């Protein structure tokens, strides 16, 4: 059965708002396709460490996020920035969100693997 999802723009707006309400800084670095663009989230702890998160669909069809540190991206911020630059070059419809939070919170409501 087809399940209707929020547009990417609305989902991104909600993520940015959650981060800001909690006292973190959140920015849309690159706007992607409004309804179905992919999302890449960078979380910086402002001390030189960062993490990157990307969505995927689980076997059950649910949206989950993957911490790319398991693929060797991060925790050094330059490593995450290099990955972001390559991803942006590959996909112009990509939404890139950057969150700056001293506690390194990602503010995702979806499961993170």
PDB file of N, CA and C in Angstrom:
ATOM      1  N   UNK A   1       0.837  -1.176   0.000  1.00  0.00           N
ATOM      2  CA  UNK A   1       0.000   0.000   0.000  1.00  0.00           C
ATOM      3  C   UNK A   1       0.886   1.245   0.000  1.00  0.00           C
ATOM      4  N   UNK A   2       0.530   2.218  -0.802  1.00  0.00           N
ATOM      5  CA  UNK A   2       1.299   3.459  -0.912  1.00  0.00           C
ATOM      6  C   UNK A   2       0.985   4.369   0.257  1.00  0.00           C
ATOM      7  N   UNK A   3       2.028   4.823   0.961  1.00  0.00           N
ATOM      8  CA  UNK A   3       1.856   5.732   2.090  1.00  0.00           C
ATOM      9  C   UNK A   3       2.338   7.116   1.682  1.00  0.00           C
ATOM     10  N   UNK A   4       1.483   8.105   1.819  1.00  0.00           N
ATOM     11  CA  UNK A   4       1.832   9.477   1.482  1.00  0.00           C
ATOM     12  C   UNK A   4       2.802  10.036   2.521  1.00  0.00           C
ATOM     13  N   UNK A   5       3.879  10.647   2.079  1.00  0.00           N
ATOM     14  CA  UNK A   5       4.865  11.254   2.974  1.00  0.00           C
ATOM     15  C   UNK A   5       4.824  12.762   2.842  1.00  0.00           C
ATOM     16  N   UNK A   6       5.322  13.419   3.875  1.00  0.00           N
ATOM     17  CA  UNK A   6       5.477  14.862   3.805  1.00  0.00           C
ATOM     18  C   UNK A   6       6.446  15.223   2.690  1.00  0.00           C
ATOM     19  N   UNK A   7       6.263  16.391   2.117  1.00  0.00           N
ATOM     20  CA  UNK A   7       7.252  16.845   1.140  1.00  0.00           C
ATOM     21  C   UNK A   7       8.575  17.053   1.875  1.00  0.00           C
ATOM     22  N   UNK A   8       9.659  16.956   1.147  1.00  0.00           N
ATOM     23  CA  UNK A   8      10.970  17.132   1.757  1.00  0.00           C
ATOM     24  C   UNK A   8      11.094  18.521   2.361  1.00  0.00           C
ATOM     25  N   UNK A   9      10.577  19.519   1.685  1.00  0.00           N
ATOM     26  CA  UNK A   9      10.671  20.893   2.194  1.00  0.00           C
ATOM     27  C   UNK A   9      10.010  21.035   3.553  1.00  0.00           C
ATOM     28  N   UNK A  10       8.839  20.462   3.728  1.00  0.00           N
ATOM     29  CA  UNK A  10       8.145  20.545   5.023  1.00  0.00           C
ATOM     30  C   UNK A  10       8.908  19.764   6.086  1.00  0.00           C
ATOM     31  N   UNK A  11       9.426  18.590   5.732  1.00  0.00           N
ATOM     32  CA  UNK A  11      10.198  17.783   6.682  1.00  0.00           C
ATOM     33  C   UNK A  11      11.449  18.544   7.126  1.00  0.00           C
ATOM     34  N   UNK A  12      12.150  19.168   6.179  1.00  0.00           N
ATOM     35  CA  UNK A  12      13.357  19.939   6.496  1.00  0.00           C
ATOM     36  C   UNK A  12      13.004  21.118   7.398  1.00  0.00           C
ATOM     37  N   UNK A  13      11.936  21.830   7.063  1.00  0.00           N
ATOM     38  CA  UNK A  13      11.516  22.962   7.899  1.00  0.00           C
ATOM     39  C   UNK A  13      11.261  22.523   9.338  1.00  0.00           C
ATOM     40  N   UNK A  14      10.640  21.363   9.509  1.00  0.00           N
ATOM     41  CA  UNK A  14      10.354  20.856  10.859  1.00  0.00           C
ATOM     42  C   UNK A  14      11.642  20.494  11.599  1.00  0.00           C
ATOM     43  N   UNK A  15      12.594  19.869  10.906  1.00  0.00           N
ATOM     44  CA  UNK A  15      13.876  19.518  11.532  1.00  0.00           C
ATOM     45  C   UNK A  15      14.620  20.774  11.984  1.00  0.00           C
ATOM     46  N   UNK A  16      14.690  21.757  11.113  1.00  0.00           N
ATOM     47  CA  UNK A  16      15.380  23.008  11.443  1.00  0.00           C
ATOM     48  C   UNK A  16      14.700  23.672  12.637  1.00  0.00           C
ATOM     49  N   UNK A  17      13.399  23.674  12.654  1.00  0.00           N
ATOM     50  CA  UNK A  17      12.667  24.300  13.761  1.00  0.00           C
ATOM     51  C   UNK A  17      12.907  23.568  15.084  1.00  0.00           C
ATOM     52  N   UNK A  18      12.894  22.215  15.067  1.00  0.00           N
ATOM     53  CA  UNK A  18      13.178  21.442  16.291  1.00  0.00           C
ATOM     54  C   UNK A  18      14.539  21.804  16.854  1.00  0.00           C
ATOM     55  N   UNK A  19      15.530  21.901  15.974  1.00  0.00           N
ATOM     56  CA  UNK A  19      16.886  22.235  16.417  1.00  0.00           C
ATOM     57  C   UNK A  19      16.919  23.642  17.006  1.00  0.00           C
ATOM     58  N   UNK A  20      16.298  24.587  16.347  1.00  0.00           N
ATOM     59  CA  UNK A  20      16.320  25.967  16.826  1.00  0.00           C
ATOM     60  C   UNK A  20      15.585  26.125  18.149  1.00  0.00           C
ATOM     61  N   UNK A  21      14.466  25.456  18.313  1.00  0.00           N
ATOM     62  CA  UNK A  21      13.711  25.528  19.568  1.00  0.00           C
ATOM     63  C   UNK A  21      14.542  24.975  20.725  1.00  0.00           C
ATOM     64  N   UNK A  22      15.378  23.972  20.441  1.00  0.00           N
ATOM     65  CA  UNK A  22      16.220  23.365  21.475  1.00  0.00           C
ATOM     66  C   UNK A  22      17.500  24.165  21.738  1.00  0.00           C
ATOM     67  N   UNK A  23      17.698  25.262  21.025  1.00  0.00           N
ATOM     68  CA  UNK A  23      18.855  26.111  21.269  1.00  0.00           C
ATOM     69  C   UNK A  23      20.043  25.873  20.363  1.00  0.00           C
ATOM     70  N   UNK A  24      19.890  25.014  19.369  1.00  0.00           N
ATOM     71  CA  UNK A  24      20.966  24.764  18.417  1.00  0.00           C
ATOM     72  C   UNK A  24      20.800  25.685  17.213  1.00  0.00           C
ATOM     73  N   UNK A  25      21.851  25.818  16.437  1.00  0.00           N
ATOM     74  CA  UNK A  25      21.772  26.548  15.176  1.00  0.00           C
ATOM     75  C   UNK A  25      21.576  25.525  14.061  1.00  0.00           C
ATOM     76  N   UNK A  26      20.658  25.821  13.150  1.00  0.00           N
ATOM     77  CA  UNK A  26      20.405  24.919  12.033  1.00  0.00           C
ATOM     78  C   UNK A  26      20.230  25.743  10.763  1.00  0.00           C
ATOM     79  N   UNK A  27      20.856  25.277   9.696  1.00  0.00           N
ATOM     80  CA  UNK A  27      20.865  26.016   8.444  1.00  0.00           C
ATOM     81  C   UNK A  27      20.580  25.083   7.276  1.00  0.00           C
ATOM     82  N   UNK A  28      19.875  25.585   6.293  1.00  0.00           N
ATOM     83  CA  UNK A  28      19.731  24.883   5.025  1.00  0.00           C
ATOM     84  C   UNK A  28      20.885  25.382   4.156  1.00  0.00           C
ATOM     85  N   UNK A  29      21.855  24.521   3.924  1.00  0.00           N
ATOM     86  CA  UNK A  29      23.040  24.875   3.151  1.00  0.00           C
ATOM     87  C   UNK A  29      22.750  24.782   1.662  1.00  0.00           C
ATOM     88  N   UNK A  30      21.927  23.806   1.286  1.00  0.00           N
ATOM     89  CA  UNK A  30      21.539  23.639  -0.118  1.00  0.00           C
ATOM     90  C   UNK A  30      20.103  23.170  -0.167  1.00  0.00           C
ATOM     91  N   UNK A  31      19.312  23.846  -0.976  1.00  0.00           N
ATOM     92  CA  UNK A  31      17.914  23.448  -1.181  1.00  0.00           C
ATOM     93  C   UNK A  31      17.846  22.475  -2.343  1.00  0.00           C
ATOM     94  N   UNK A  32      17.108  21.398  -2.110  1.00  0.00           N
ATOM     95  CA  UNK A  32      16.941  20.405  -3.152  1.00  0.00           C
ATOM     96  C   UNK A  32      15.549  20.440  -3.739  1.00  0.00           C
ATOM     97  N   UNK A  33      15.163  19.352  -4.349  1.00  0.00           N
ATOM     98  CA  UNK A  33      13.849  19.221  -4.952  1.00  0.00           C
ATOM     99  C   UNK A  33      12.796  19.283  -3.846  1.00  0.00           C
ATOM    100  N   UNK A  34      11.799  20.125  -4.006  1.00  0.00           N
ATOM    101  CA  UNK A  34      10.820  20.441  -2.952  1.00  0.00           C
ATOM    102  C   UNK A  34      10.061  19.225  -2.419  1.00  0.00           C
ATOM    103  N   UNK A  35       9.624  18.351  -3.300  1.00  0.00           N
ATOM    104  CA  UNK A  35       8.737  17.285  -2.823  1.00  0.00           C
ATOM    105  C   UNK A  35       9.449  15.985  -2.470  1.00  0.00           C
ATOM    106  N   UNK A  36      10.470  15.610  -3.213  1.00  0.00           N
ATOM    107  CA  UNK A  36      11.094  14.298  -3.000  1.00  0.00           C
ATOM    108  C   UNK A  36      12.618  14.307  -2.996  1.00  0.00           C
ATOM    109  N   UNK A  37      13.240  15.443  -2.757  1.00  0.00           N
ATOM    110  CA  UNK A  37      14.702  15.499  -2.757  1.00  0.00           C
ATOM    111  C   UNK A  37      15.300  14.703  -1.608  1.00  0.00           C
ATOM    112  N   UNK A  38      16.482  14.159  -1.829  1.00  0.00           N
ATOM    113  CA  UNK A  38      17.205  13.462  -0.772  1.00  0.00           C
ATOM    114  C   UNK A  38      17.752  14.471   0.234  1.00  0.00           C
ATOM    115  N   UNK A  39      18.091  13.988   1.426  1.00  0.00           N
ATOM    116  CA  UNK A  39      18.557  14.854   2.504  1.00  0.00           C
ATOM    117  C   UNK A  39      19.878  14.322   3.046  1.00  0.00           C
ATOM    118  N   UNK A  40      20.793  15.236   3.324  1.00  0.00           N
ATOM    119  CA  UNK A  40      22.035  14.904   4.001  1.00  0.00           C
ATOM    120  C   UNK A  40      22.148  15.880   5.163  1.00  0.00           C
ATOM    121  N   UNK A  41      22.378  15.349   6.354  1.00  0.00           N
ATOM    122  CA  UNK A  41      22.431  16.183   7.557  1.00  0.00           C
ATOM    123  C   UNK A  41      23.829  16.111   8.146  1.00  0.00           C
ATOM    124  N   UNK A  42      24.409  17.280   8.377  1.00  0.00           N
ATOM    125  CA  UNK A  42      25.704  17.381   9.048  1.00  0.00           C
ATOM    126  C   UNK A  42      25.450  17.955  10.433  1.00  0.00           C
ATOM    127  N   UNK A  43      26.010  17.296  11.450  1.00  0.00           N
ATOM    128  CA  UNK A  43      25.909  17.787  12.825  1.00  0.00           C
ATOM    129  C   UNK A  43      27.322  18.046  13.329  1.00  0.00           C
ATOM    130  N   UNK A  44      27.581  19.309  13.667  1.00  0.00           N
ATOM    131  CA  UNK A  44      28.887  19.715  14.180  1.00  0.00           C
ATOM    132  C   UNK A  44      28.760  20.032  15.660  1.00  0.00           C
ATOM    133  N   UNK A  45      29.748  19.576  16.456  1.00  0.00           N
ATOM    134  CA  UNK A  45      29.719  19.878  17.891  1.00  0.00           C
ATOM    135  C   UNK A  45      30.543  21.124  18.229  1.00  0.00           C
ATOM    136  N   UNK A  46      31.017  21.826  17.201  1.00  0.00           N
ATOM    137  CA  UNK A  46      31.764  23.083  17.343  1.00  0.00           C
ATOM    138  C   UNK A  46      33.140  22.914  17.992  1.00  0.00           C
ATOM    139  N   UNK A  47      33.632  21.674  18.061  1.00  0.00           N
ATOM    140  CA  UNK A  47      34.970  21.446  18.610  1.00  0.00           C
ATOM    141  C   UNK A  47      35.864  20.713  17.610  1.00  0.00           C
ATOM    142  N   UNK A  48      35.434  20.646  16.362  1.00  0.00           N
ATOM    143  CA  UNK A  48      36.215  19.972  15.333  1.00  0.00           C
ATOM    144  C   UNK A  48      35.705  18.602  14.947  1.00  0.00           C
ATOM    145  N   UNK A  49      34.660  18.131  15.629  1.00  0.00           N
ATOM    146  CA  UNK A  49      34.059  16.840  15.294  1.00  0.00           C
ATOM    147  C   UNK A  49      32.707  17.067  14.619  1.00  0.00           C
ATOM    148  N   UNK A  50      32.357  16.139  13.745  1.00  0.00           N
ATOM    149  CA  UNK A  50      31.072  16.222  13.052  1.00  0.00           C
ATOM    150  C   UNK A  50      30.626  14.828  12.655  1.00  0.00           C
ATOM    151  N   UNK A  51      29.346  14.718  12.382  1.00  0.00           N
ATOM    152  CA  UNK A  51      28.762  13.469  11.903  1.00  0.00           C
ATOM    153  C   UNK A  51      27.865  13.796  10.728  1.00  0.00           C
ATOM    154  N   UNK A  52      27.669  12.825   9.859  1.00  0.00           N
ATOM    155  CA  UNK A  52      26.770  12.972   8.717  1.00  0.00           C
ATOM    156  C   UNK A  52      25.726  11.860   8.774  1.00  0.00           C
ATOM    157  N   UNK A  53      24.506  12.216   8.441  1.00  0.00           N
ATOM    158  CA  UNK A  53      23.387  11.278   8.462  1.00  0.00           C
ATOM    159  C   UNK A  53      22.659  11.334   7.128  1.00  0.00           C
ATOM    160  N   UNK A  54      22.299  10.166   6.597  1.00  0.00           N
ATOM    161  CA  UNK A  54      21.523  10.085   5.371  1.00  0.00           C
ATOM    162  C   UNK A  54      20.362   9.105   5.578  1.00  0.00           C
ATOM    163  N   UNK A  55      19.235   9.336   4.892  1.00  0.00           N
ATOM    164  CA  UNK A  55      18.096   8.431   5.050  1.00  0.00           C
ATOM    165  C   UNK A  55      18.229   7.201   4.166  1.00  0.00           C
ATOM    166  N   UNK A  56      17.571   6.170   4.606  1.00  0.00           N
ATOM    167  CA  UNK A  56      17.388   4.976   3.777  1.00  0.00           C
ATOM    168  C   UNK A  56      16.068   4.347   4.186  1.00  0.00           C
ATOM    169  N   UNK A  57      15.590   3.441   3.399  1.00  0.00           N
ATOM    170  CA  UNK A  57      14.351   2.748   3.698  1.00  0.00           C
ATOM    171  C   UNK A  57      14.683   1.378   4.277  1.00  0.00           C
ATOM    172  N   UNK A  58      14.097   1.068   5.431  1.00  0.00           N
ATOM    173  CA  UNK A  58      14.343  -0.226   6.075  1.00  0.00           C
ATOM    174  C   UNK A  58      13.625  -1.330   5.313  1.00  0.00           C
ATOM    175  N   UNK A  59      13.898  -2.563   5.682  1.00  0.00           N
ATOM    176  CA  UNK A  59      13.246  -3.721   5.059  1.00  0.00           C
ATOM    177  C   UNK A  59      11.731  -3.674   5.251  1.00  0.00           C
ATOM    178  N   UNK A  60      11.302  -3.029   6.333  1.00  0.00           N
ATOM    179  CA  UNK A  60       9.870  -2.925   6.624  1.00  0.00           C
ATOM    180  C   UNK A  60       9.229  -1.742   5.902  1.00  0.00           C
ATOM    181  N   UNK A  61      10.022  -0.959   5.180  1.00  0.00           N
ATOM    182  CA  UNK A  61       9.507   0.180   4.447  1.00  0.00           C
ATOM    183  C   UNK A  61       9.508   1.482   5.226  1.00  0.00           C
ATOM    184  N   UNK A  62      10.099   1.480   6.424  1.00  0.00           N
ATOM    185  CA  UNK A  62      10.163   2.686   7.239  1.00  0.00           C
ATOM    186  C   UNK A  62      11.404   3.501   6.885  1.00  0.00           C
ATOM    187  N   UNK A  63      11.314   4.791   7.115  1.00  0.00           N
ATOM    188  CA  UNK A  63      12.466   5.667   6.898  1.00  0.00           C
ATOM    189  C   UNK A  63      13.344   5.650   8.143  1.00  0.00           C
ATOM    190  N   UNK A  64      14.622   5.336   7.964  1.00  0.00           N
ATOM    191  CA  UNK A  64      15.612   5.372   9.044  1.00  0.00           C
ATOM    192  C   UNK A  64      16.793   6.184   8.544  1.00  0.00           C
ATOM    193  N   UNK A  65      17.616   6.647   9.463  1.00  0.00           N
ATOM    194  CA  UNK A  65      18.809   7.392   9.086  1.00  0.00           C
ATOM    195  C   UNK A  65      20.035   6.587   9.455  1.00  0.00           C
ATOM    196  N   UNK A  66      21.057   6.701   8.630  1.00  0.00           N
ATOM    197  CA  UNK A  66      22.320   6.004   8.835  1.00  0.00           C
ATOM    198  C   UNK A  66      23.371   7.039   9.219  1.00  0.00           C
ATOM    199  N   UNK A  67      24.084   6.772  10.306  1.00  0.00           N
ATOM    200  CA  UNK A  67      25.222   7.583  10.720  1.00  0.00           C
ATOM    201  C   UNK A  67      26.393   7.128   9.861  1.00  0.00           C
ATOM    202  N   UNK A  68      26.899   8.000   9.005  1.00  0.00           N
ATOM    203  CA  UNK A  68      27.940   7.611   8.058  1.00  0.00           C
ATOM    204  C   UNK A  68      29.293   7.347   8.688  1.00  0.00           C
ATOM    205  N   UNK A  69      29.409   7.524   9.995  1.00  0.00           N
ATOM    206  CA  UNK A  69      30.669   7.181  10.658  1.00  0.00           C
ATOM    207  C   UNK A  69      30.963   5.687  10.499  1.00  0.00           C
ATOM    208  N   UNK A  70      29.920   4.863  10.370  1.00  0.00           N
ATOM    209  CA  UNK A  70      30.136   3.428  10.168  1.00  0.00           C
ATOM    210  C   UNK A  70      30.797   3.158   8.820  1.00  0.00           C
ATOM    211  N   UNK A  71      30.748   4.139   7.915  1.00  0.00           N
ATOM    212  CA  UNK A  71      31.395   4.007   6.605  1.00  0.00           C
ATOM    213  C   UNK A  71      32.702   4.787   6.547  1.00  0.00           C
ATOM    214  N   UNK A  72      33.185   5.239   7.717  1.00  0.00           N
ATOM    215  CA  UNK A  72      34.465   5.926   7.778  1.00  0.00           C
ATOM    216  C   UNK A  72      34.399   7.417   7.493  1.00  0.00           C
ATOM    217  N   UNK A  73      33.217   7.990   7.517  1.00  0.00           N
ATOM    218  CA  UNK A  73      33.059   9.426   7.283  1.00  0.00           C
ATOM    219  C   UNK A  73      32.880  10.106   8.626  1.00  0.00           C
ATOM    220  N   UNK A  74      33.851  10.913   9.026  1.00  0.00           N
ATOM    221  CA  UNK A  74      33.861  11.515  10.355  1.00  0.00           C
ATOM    222  C   UNK A  74      34.695  10.649  11.275  1.00  0.00           C
ATOM    223  N   UNK A  75      34.877  10.988  12.510  1.00  0.00           N
ATOM    224  CA  UNK A  75      34.261  12.100  13.216  1.00  0.00           C
ATOM    225  C   UNK A  75      34.984  13.427  13.027  1.00  0.00           C
ATOM    226  N   UNK A  76      36.074  13.471  12.258  1.00  0.00           N
ATOM    227  CA  UNK A  76      36.745  14.742  12.020  1.00  0.00           C
ATOM    228  C   UNK A  76      35.903  15.557  11.030  1.00  0.00           C
ATOM    229  N   UNK A  77      35.708  16.830  11.336  1.00  0.00           N
ATOM    230  CA  UNK A  77      34.851  17.669  10.498  1.00  0.00           C
ATOM    231  C   UNK A  77      35.323  17.767   9.046  1.00  0.00           C
ATOM    232  N   UNK A  78      36.620  17.863   8.758  1.00  0.00           N
ATOM    233  CA  UNK A  78      37.037  17.909   7.346  1.00  0.00           C
ATOM    234  C   UNK A  78      36.611  16.668   6.556  1.00  0.00           C
ATOM    235  N   UNK A  79      36.589  15.512   7.189  1.00  0.00           N
ATOM    236  CA  UNK A  79      36.141  14.291   6.527  1.00  0.00           C
ATOM    237  C   UNK A  79      34.670  14.403   6.123  1.00  0.00           C
ATOM    238  N   UNK A  80      33.848  14.930   7.023  1.00  0.00           N
ATOM    239  CA  UNK A  80      32.424  15.114   6.736  1.00  0.00           C
ATOM    240  C   UNK A  80      32.246  16.169   5.643  1.00  0.00           C
ATOM    241  N   UNK A  81      32.993  17.259   5.719  1.00  0.00           N
ATOM    242  CA  UNK A  81      32.897  18.322   4.715  1.00  0.00           C
ATOM    243  C   UNK A  81      33.284  17.821   3.328  1.00  0.00           C
ATOM    244  N   UNK A  82      34.316  16.986   3.247  1.00  0.00           N
ATOM    245  CA  UNK A  82      34.713  16.414   1.955  1.00  0.00           C
ATOM    246  C   UNK A  82      33.587  15.565   1.379  1.00  0.00           C
ATOM    247  N   UNK A  83      32.952  14.743   2.229  1.00  0.00           N
ATOM    248  CA  UNK A  83      31.839  13.918   1.774  1.00  0.00           C
ATOM    249  C   UNK A  83      30.685  14.790   1.286  1.00  0.00           C
ATOM    250  N   UNK A  84      30.367  15.848   2.031  1.00  0.00           N
ATOM    251  CA  UNK A  84      29.294  16.760   1.630  1.00  0.00           C
ATOM    252  C   UNK A  84      29.575  17.383   0.273  1.00  0.00           C
ATOM    253  N   UNK A  85      30.794  17.816   0.051  1.00  0.00           N
ATOM    254  CA  UNK A  85      31.148  18.431  -1.230  1.00  0.00           C
ATOM    255  C   UNK A  85      30.955  17.449  -2.386  1.00  0.00           C
ATOM    256  N   UNK A  86      31.391  16.210  -2.186  1.00  0.00           N
ATOM    257  CA  UNK A  86      31.209  15.194  -3.237  1.00  0.00           C
ATOM    258  C   UNK A  86      29.731  14.909  -3.468  1.00  0.00           C
ATOM    259  N   UNK A  87      28.954  14.809  -2.382  1.00  0.00           N
ATOM    260  CA  UNK A  87      27.520  14.531  -2.510  1.00  0.00           C
ATOM    261  C   UNK A  87      26.806  15.660  -3.234  1.00  0.00           C
ATOM    262  N   UNK A  88      27.171  16.898  -2.918  1.00  0.00           N
ATOM    263  CA  UNK A  88      26.548  18.053  -3.577  1.00  0.00           C
ATOM    264  C   UNK A  88      26.877  18.085  -5.063  1.00  0.00           C
ATOM    265  N   UNK A  89      28.088  17.681  -5.437  1.00  0.00           N
ATOM    266  CA  UNK A  89      28.467  17.635  -6.848  1.00  0.00           C
ATOM    267  C   UNK A  89      27.682  16.559  -7.601  1.00  0.00           C
ATOM    268  N   UNK A  90      27.404  15.439  -6.930  1.00  0.00           N
ATOM    269  CA  UNK A  90      26.688  14.321  -7.557  1.00  0.00           C
ATOM    270  C   UNK A  90      25.205  14.587  -7.712  1.00  0.00           C
ATOM    271  N   UNK A  91      24.603  15.308  -6.753  1.00  0.00           N
ATOM    272  CA  UNK A  91      23.138  15.417  -6.716  1.00  0.00           C
ATOM    273  C   UNK A  91      22.719  16.863  -6.459  1.00  0.00           C
ATOM    274  N   UNK A  92      22.296  17.541  -7.498  1.00  0.00           N
ATOM    275  CA  UNK A  92      21.860  18.933  -7.363  1.00  0.00           C
ATOM    276  C   UNK A  92      20.493  19.041  -6.696  1.00  0.00           C
ATOM    277  N   UNK A  93      19.749  17.943  -6.589  1.00  0.00           N
ATOM    278  CA  UNK A  93      18.449  17.948  -5.913  1.00  0.00           C
ATOM    279  C   UNK A  93      18.572  17.608  -4.432  1.00  0.00           C
ATOM    280  N   UNK A  94      19.780  17.515  -3.932  1.00  0.00           N
ATOM    281  CA  UNK A  94      20.056  17.147  -2.548  1.00  0.00           C
ATOM    282  C   UNK A  94      19.809  18.329  -1.611  1.00  0.00           C
ATOM    283  N   UNK A  95      19.123  18.076  -0.511  1.00  0.00           N
ATOM    284  CA  UNK A  95      18.989  19.046   0.571  1.00  0.00           C
ATOM    285  C   UNK A  95      20.150  18.796   1.526  1.00  0.00           C
ATOM    286  N   UNK A  96      20.894  19.837   1.866  1.00  0.00           N
ATOM    287  CA  UNK A  96      21.985  19.714   2.829  1.00  0.00           C
ATOM    288  C   UNK A  96      21.635  20.601   4.015  1.00  0.00           C
ATOM    289  N   UNK A  97      21.531  19.976   5.182  1.00  0.00           N
ATOM    290  CA  UNK A  97      21.191  20.674   6.414  1.00  0.00           C
ATOM    291  C   UNK A  97      22.399  20.598   7.335  1.00  0.00           C
ATOM    292  N   UNK A  98      22.766  21.725   7.929  1.00  0.00           N
ATOM    293  CA  UNK A  98      23.857  21.732   8.906  1.00  0.00           C
ATOM    294  C   UNK A  98      23.304  22.169  10.250  1.00  0.00           C
ATOM    295  N   UNK A  99      23.595  21.365  11.259  1.00  0.00           N
ATOM    296  CA  UNK A  99      23.190  21.661  12.632  1.00  0.00           C
ATOM    297  C   UNK A  99      24.455  21.849  13.454  1.00  0.00           C
ATOM    298  N   UNK A 100      24.508  22.943  14.178  1.00  0.00           N
ATOM    299  CA  UNK A 100      25.627  23.199  15.086  1.00  0.00           C
ATOM    300  C   UNK A 100      25.096  23.128  16.502  1.00  0.00           C
ATOM    301  N   UNK A 101      25.594  22.148  17.259  1.00  0.00           N
ATOM    302  CA  UNK A 101      25.103  21.912  18.604  1.00  0.00           C
ATOM    303  C   UNK A 101      26.244  21.347  19.445  1.00  0.00           C
ATOM    304  N   UNK A 102      26.564  21.995  20.541  1.00  0.00           N
ATOM    305  CA  UNK A 102      27.679  21.552  21.395  1.00  0.00           C
ATOM    306  C   UNK A 102      27.480  20.138  21.924  1.00  0.00           C
ATOM    307  N   UNK A 103      26.230  19.683  22.015  1.00  0.00           N
ATOM    308  CA  UNK A 103      25.941  18.317  22.480  1.00  0.00           C
ATOM    309  C   UNK A 103      25.845  17.325  21.326  1.00  0.00           C
ATOM    310  N   UNK A 104      26.048  17.791  20.101  1.00  0.00           N
ATOM    311  CA  UNK A 104      26.026  16.960  18.889  1.00  0.00           C
ATOM    312  C   UNK A 104      24.695  16.230  18.702  1.00  0.00           C
ATOM    313  N   UNK A 105      23.597  16.884  19.057  1.00  0.00           N
ATOM    314  CA  UNK A 105      22.272  16.284  18.858  1.00  0.00           C
ATOM    315  C   UNK A 105      21.850  16.438  17.396  1.00  0.00           C
ATOM    316  N   UNK A 106      21.210  15.410  16.848  1.00  0.00           N
ATOM    317  CA  UNK A 106      20.785  15.445  15.453  1.00  0.00           C
ATOM    318  C   UNK A 106      19.325  15.863  15.278  1.00  0.00           C
ATOM    319  N   UNK A 107      18.516  15.773  16.315  1.00  0.00           N
ATOM    320  CA  UNK A 107      17.117  16.196  16.313  1.00  0.00           C
ATOM    321  C   UNK A 107      16.229  15.399  15.357  1.00  0.00           C
ATOM    322  N   UNK A 108      16.696  14.246  14.924  1.00  0.00           N
ATOM    323  CA  UNK A 108      15.874  13.383  14.072  1.00  0.00           C
ATOM    324  C   UNK A 108      14.857  12.649  14.939  1.00  0.00           C
ATOM    325  N   UNK A 109      13.652  12.513  14.420  1.00  0.00           N
ATOM    326  CA  UNK A 109      12.648  11.727  15.131  1.00  0.00           C
ATOM    327  C   UNK A 109      12.615  10.286  14.598  1.00  0.00           C
ATOM    328  N   UNK A 110      13.243  10.065  13.456  1.00  0.00           N
ATOM    329  CA  UNK A 110      13.315   8.723  12.876  1.00  0.00           C
ATOM    330  C   UNK A 110      14.431   7.935  13.552  1.00  0.00           C
ATOM    331  N   UNK A 111      14.372   6.619  13.501  1.00  0.00           N
ATOM    332  CA  UNK A 111      15.465   5.810  14.070  1.00  0.00           C
ATOM    333  C   UNK A 111      16.787   6.094  13.353  1.00  0.00           C
ATOM    334  N   UNK A 112      17.894   6.019  14.102  1.00  0.00           N
ATOM    335  CA  UNK A 112      19.226   6.223  13.553  1.00  0.00           C
ATOM    336  C   UNK A 112      20.031   4.952  13.784  1.00  0.00           C
ATOM    337  N   UNK A 113      20.634   4.468  12.712  1.00  0.00           N
ATOM    338  CA  UNK A 113      21.446   3.238  12.794  1.00  0.00           C
ATOM    339  C   UNK A 113      22.918   3.568  12.710  1.00  0.00           C
TER     340      UNK A 113
END
